[in-house]
Amino acid sequence: MEVILLERIEKLGQMGEVVKVKDGFARNFLLPQKKALRASEDNLAYFEKERVTLEANNLKQKQEAEVILEKLDNFNLIIIRQAGETGQLYGSVNTNDIKNALDENGFIVEKNQIKLDKPIKDLGIHNVSVKLHPEVQATISVIVSRTDAEAETLIKGEEINIEKDENLIEEDTINIEEVFEEGAIPENISEETEDSPEEIEAKEDKKDAEEINNEINSEVNNSKNKEDDNS
């Protein structure tokens, strides 16, 4: 479907351009959001007639967005959440959570203005874009922490107390010597130690010697049995 853009659309075009888009994108987003008109002679004539008004409105909206940008850009938005020792949240932070937190701080935005690729699931500082206008975009720091004090630590650029996975594994490992009394560790769960090259060689020599002795004893016994048979 061909449409006339009524405002700048990122990666699509500028106001007044006629562009071709997928039917679903036009019907579900561009047309109901009044961001475009179907490309027709009547609509082209309407746009040319209203171009000055549309451009004036766009300029006014852009200027208003730039005023908000001065306050919102690089804003530290603190969101308190519970999390485990590794820093993983019990749940997540999504666009609705960010919108509500912005509202509480005096910034009124819509969910679709917040550009979040996927829900936040870890403690820390996360950069999130907020589209204030087709040509104006702010970047905020969403600071997810367990307490306000922890958030302040993150803002200062300092590390917070988060256990690494390998540390937890080490702590969860049972020390056998602490469980059993000295000398009472069962043989089947005691640690096996690898033999040194010298010990391996000594065992091989002992095995060879035993095999040779067995062969000699066998020959002697066979000879003795033959002598008894002859007698």
Protein backbone atom coordinates (compact mmCIF):
# COMPACT_ATOMS: atom_id res chain seq x y z
CA MET A 1 0.00 0.00 0.00
CA GLU A 2 1.21 3.53 -0.79
CA VAL A 3 0.74 6.20 1.88
CA ILE A 4 1.50 9.88 2.41
CA LEU A 5 3.51 10.43 5.59
CA LEU A 6 2.13 13.13 7.89
CA GLU A 7 5.29 13.13 10.02
CA ARG A 8 8.83 11.79 9.91
CA ILE A 9 8.89 8.01 10.42
CA GLU A 10 12.27 6.51 11.31
CA LYS A 11 13.70 4.31 8.54
CA LEU A 12 10.69 5.12 6.34
CA GLY A 13 10.65 8.77 5.27
CA GLN A 14 9.98 12.44 5.95
CA MET A 15 6.69 14.33 6.19
CA GLY A 16 4.97 14.61 2.80
CA GLU A 17 6.77 11.69 1.19
CA VAL A 18 4.77 8.99 -0.57
CA VAL A 19 6.13 5.59 0.44
CA LYS A 20 5.11 1.99 -0.09
CA VAL A 21 4.53 -0.12 3.03
CA LYS A 22 2.98 -3.44 3.91
CA ASP A 23 -0.81 -3.39 4.16
CA GLY A 24 -0.80 -4.63 7.77
CA PHE A 25 1.66 -1.93 8.89
CA ALA A 26 -0.49 0.76 7.29
CA ARG A 27 -3.84 -0.52 8.60
CA ASN A 28 -2.64 -1.40 12.11
CA PHE A 29 -0.27 1.48 12.82
CA LEU A 30 0.17 4.34 10.34
CA LEU A 31 -3.47 5.05 9.47
CA PRO A 32 -5.12 4.63 12.94
CA GLN A 33 -2.30 6.64 14.58
CA LYS A 34 -2.88 9.42 11.99
CA LYS A 35 0.73 9.22 10.94
CA ALA A 36 -0.16 8.78 7.28
CA LEU A 37 -2.93 8.96 4.67
CA ARG A 38 -3.70 6.57 1.83
CA ALA A 39 -1.99 7.81 -1.30
CA SER A 40 -4.73 9.16 -3.58
CA GLU A 41 -5.30 12.29 -5.63
CA ASP A 42 -7.77 13.68 -3.08
CA ASN A 43 -5.44 13.01 -0.13
CA LEU A 44 -2.46 14.49 -1.98
CA ALA A 45 -4.49 17.62 -2.63
CA TYR A 46 -5.56 17.70 1.04
CA PHE A 47 -1.98 17.35 2.23
CA GLU A 48 -0.73 20.19 0.00
CA LYS A 49 -3.55 22.37 1.29
CA GLU A 50 -2.75 21.55 4.93
CA ARG A 51 1.04 21.30 4.57
CA VAL A 52 1.74 24.66 6.23
CA THR A 53 -0.48 23.83 9.21
CA LEU A 54 0.94 20.32 9.54
CA GLU A 55 4.53 21.60 9.42
CA ALA A 56 3.73 24.30 11.99
CA ASN A 57 2.18 21.74 14.34
CA ASN A 58 5.14 19.42 13.86
CA LEU A 59 7.57 22.24 14.63
CA LYS A 60 5.65 23.16 17.79
CA GLN A 61 5.61 19.52 18.97
CA LYS A 62 9.32 19.22 18.24
CA GLN A 63 10.11 22.34 20.29
CA GLU A 64 8.03 21.03 23.19
CA ALA A 65 9.87 17.70 22.98
CA GLU A 66 13.23 19.48 23.04
CA VAL A 67 12.23 21.25 26.27
CA ILE A 68 11.47 17.86 27.85
CA LEU A 69 14.69 16.46 26.39
CA GLU A 70 16.78 18.93 28.41
CA LYS A 71 15.36 17.50 31.63
CA LEU A 72 14.91 13.86 30.66
CA ASP A 73 18.09 13.08 28.73
CA ASN A 74 20.61 11.25 30.94
CA PHE A 75 18.05 11.14 33.77
CA ASN A 76 18.69 8.49 36.45
CA LEU A 77 15.45 6.54 36.91
CA ILE A 78 15.63 4.36 40.03
CA ILE A 79 13.43 1.26 40.19
CA ILE A 80 13.57 -0.87 43.35
CA ARG A 81 13.19 -4.62 42.90
CA GLN A 82 13.93 -7.78 44.89
CA ALA A 83 16.75 -9.94 43.55
CA GLY A 84 18.85 -12.97 44.39
CA GLU A 85 22.49 -13.05 45.46
CA THR A 86 23.64 -13.28 41.82
CA GLY A 87 21.80 -10.08 40.90
CA GLN A 88 18.99 -11.76 38.96
CA LEU A 89 15.59 -10.19 39.59
CA TYR A 90 12.60 -12.04 41.00
CA GLY A 91 10.59 -11.10 37.93
CA SER A 92 11.52 -8.33 35.47
CA VAL A 93 11.20 -4.62 34.62
CA ASN A 94 9.18 -3.88 31.47
CA THR A 95 8.02 -0.81 29.54
CA ASN A 96 4.96 -0.40 31.76
CA ASP A 97 7.16 -0.31 34.89
CA ILE A 98 9.40 2.32 33.29
CA LYS A 99 6.37 4.39 32.18
CA ASN A 100 4.93 4.34 35.72
CA ALA A 101 8.29 5.31 37.24
CA LEU A 102 8.63 8.19 34.76
CA ASP A 103 5.08 9.34 35.57
CA GLU A 104 5.99 9.41 39.28
CA ASN A 105 8.97 11.63 38.43
CA GLY A 106 6.83 14.08 36.44
CA PHE A 107 7.53 12.79 32.91
CA ILE A 108 4.28 11.82 31.15
CA VAL A 109 4.98 9.45 28.25
CA GLU A 110 3.21 6.59 26.52
CA LYS A 111 4.41 2.98 26.61
CA ASN A 112 5.06 2.98 22.84
CA GLN A 113 7.50 5.88 23.30
CA ILE A 114 9.77 3.70 25.44
CA LYS A 115 12.17 1.61 23.35
CA LEU A 116 13.08 -1.51 25.33
CA ASP A 117 14.36 -4.50 23.34
CA LYS A 118 13.56 -6.99 26.10
CA PRO A 119 12.52 -6.93 29.78
CA ILE A 120 15.28 -6.13 32.28
CA LYS A 121 16.07 -9.13 34.48
CA ASP A 122 19.28 -8.09 36.28
CA LEU A 123 20.38 -5.48 38.79
CA GLY A 124 22.44 -2.65 37.38
CA ILE A 125 22.29 0.38 35.08
CA HIS A 126 20.42 -0.08 31.80
CA ASN A 127 20.28 2.56 29.04
CA VAL A 128 16.79 2.98 27.58
CA SER A 129 15.62 5.27 24.76
CA VAL A 130 12.46 7.40 25.02
CA LYS A 131 11.02 8.76 21.76
CA LEU A 132 9.68 12.24 22.59
CA HIS A 133 9.08 13.19 18.94
CA PRO A 134 9.90 11.61 15.56
CA GLU A 135 13.02 13.79 15.54
CA VAL A 136 13.77 13.96 19.27
CA GLN A 137 14.95 11.04 21.39
CA ALA A 138 16.15 10.94 25.00
CA THR A 139 18.33 8.30 26.62
CA ILE A 140 17.73 7.56 30.28
CA SER A 141 19.57 5.36 32.77
CA VAL A 142 17.22 2.86 34.36
CA ILE A 143 18.90 1.90 37.64
CA VAL A 144 17.48 -1.34 38.98
CA SER A 145 18.54 -1.99 42.58
CA ARG A 146 17.38 -3.59 45.81
CA THR A 147 17.61 -0.39 47.87
CA ASP A 148 18.05 3.36 47.34
CA ALA A 149 21.51 3.10 48.91
CA GLU A 150 22.46 0.43 46.38
CA ALA A 151 21.21 2.68 43.57
CA GLU A 152 23.42 5.51 44.82
CA THR A 153 26.38 3.14 44.81
CA LEU A 154 25.69 2.27 41.17
CA ILE A 155 25.32 5.95 40.21
CA LYS A 156 28.76 6.64 41.72
CA GLY A 157 30.18 3.96 39.43
CA GLU A 158 30.98 1.62 42.30
CA GLU A 159 30.26 -2.11 42.38
CA ILE A 160 27.45 -3.58 44.45
CA ASN A 161 27.60 -6.83 46.40
CA ILE A 162 26.68 -9.52 43.86
CA GLU A 163 27.85 -13.10 44.23
CA LYS A 164 29.25 -14.85 41.19
CA ASP A 165 27.78 -18.21 40.23
CA GLU A 166 31.08 -20.01 40.80
CA ASN A 167 31.29 -18.63 44.34
CA LEU A 168 27.86 -20.00 45.17
CA ILE A 169 28.82 -23.39 43.77
CA GLU A 170 31.92 -23.47 45.98
CA GLU A 171 29.87 -22.56 49.06
CA ASP A 172 27.31 -25.26 48.30
CA THR A 173 29.98 -27.96 47.93
CA ILE A 174 30.11 -30.30 50.97
CA ASN A 175 33.50 -30.83 52.55
CA ILE A 176 33.63 -34.61 53.24
CA GLU A 177 36.29 -34.19 55.93
CA GLU A 178 33.94 -31.88 57.87
CA VAL A 179 31.11 -34.44 57.75
CA PHE A 180 33.02 -37.56 58.84
CA GLU A 181 35.39 -38.00 61.73
CA GLU A 182 39.07 -38.37 61.00
CA GLY A 183 39.81 -41.76 59.46
CA ALA A 184 36.11 -42.57 59.04
CA ILE A 185 35.61 -41.45 55.42
CA PRO A 186 34.08 -44.37 53.45
CA GLU A 187 36.43 -45.79 50.87
CA ASN A 188 33.93 -45.52 48.01
CA ILE A 189 33.63 -41.72 48.33
CA SER A 190 37.22 -40.88 49.20
CA GLU A 191 39.12 -38.96 46.59
CA GLU A 192 41.18 -41.04 44.23
CA THR A 193 44.73 -39.94 43.64
CA GLU A 194 46.53 -40.46 40.38
CA ASP A 195 49.69 -42.64 40.46
CA SER A 196 52.98 -41.05 39.57
CA PRO A 197 54.91 -42.40 36.54
CA GLU A 198 57.33 -44.17 38.90
CA GLU A 199 54.47 -45.88 40.76
CA ILE A 200 52.85 -46.96 37.50
CA GLU A 201 56.16 -48.43 36.27
CA ALA A 202 56.71 -50.27 39.59
CA LYS A 203 53.21 -51.78 39.38
CA GLU A 204 53.85 -52.92 35.80
CA ASP A 205 57.18 -54.52 36.81
CA LYS A 206 55.49 -56.32 39.72
CA LYS A 207 52.76 -57.57 37.40
CA ASP A 208 55.32 -58.84 34.88
CA ALA A 209 57.29 -60.60 37.65
CA GLU A 210 54.14 -62.30 38.93
CA GLU A 211 53.26 -63.50 35.44
CA ILE A 212 56.79 -64.91 34.95
CA ASN A 213 56.64 -66.71 38.32
CA ASN A 214 53.27 -68.14 37.42
CA GLU A 215 54.64 -69.46 34.12
CA ILE A 216 57.68 -71.03 35.84
CA ASN A 217 55.51 -72.67 38.49
CA SER A 218 53.22 -73.99 35.79
CA GLU A 219 56.11 -75.56 33.86
CA VAL A 220 57.51 -77.13 37.04
CA ASN A 221 54.14 -78.61 37.92
CA ASN A 222 53.71 -79.98 34.40
CA SER A 223 57.17 -81.65 34.50
CA LYS A 224 56.41 -83.18 37.89
CA ASN A 225 53.14 -84.56 36.68
CA LYS A 226 54.83 -86.18 33.68
CA GLU A 227 57.48 -87.85 35.92
CA ASP A 228 54.72 -89.26 38.16
CA ASP A 229 52.92 -90.64 35.14
CA ASN A 230 56.08 -92.38 33.87
CA SER A 231 56.77 -93.94 37.19
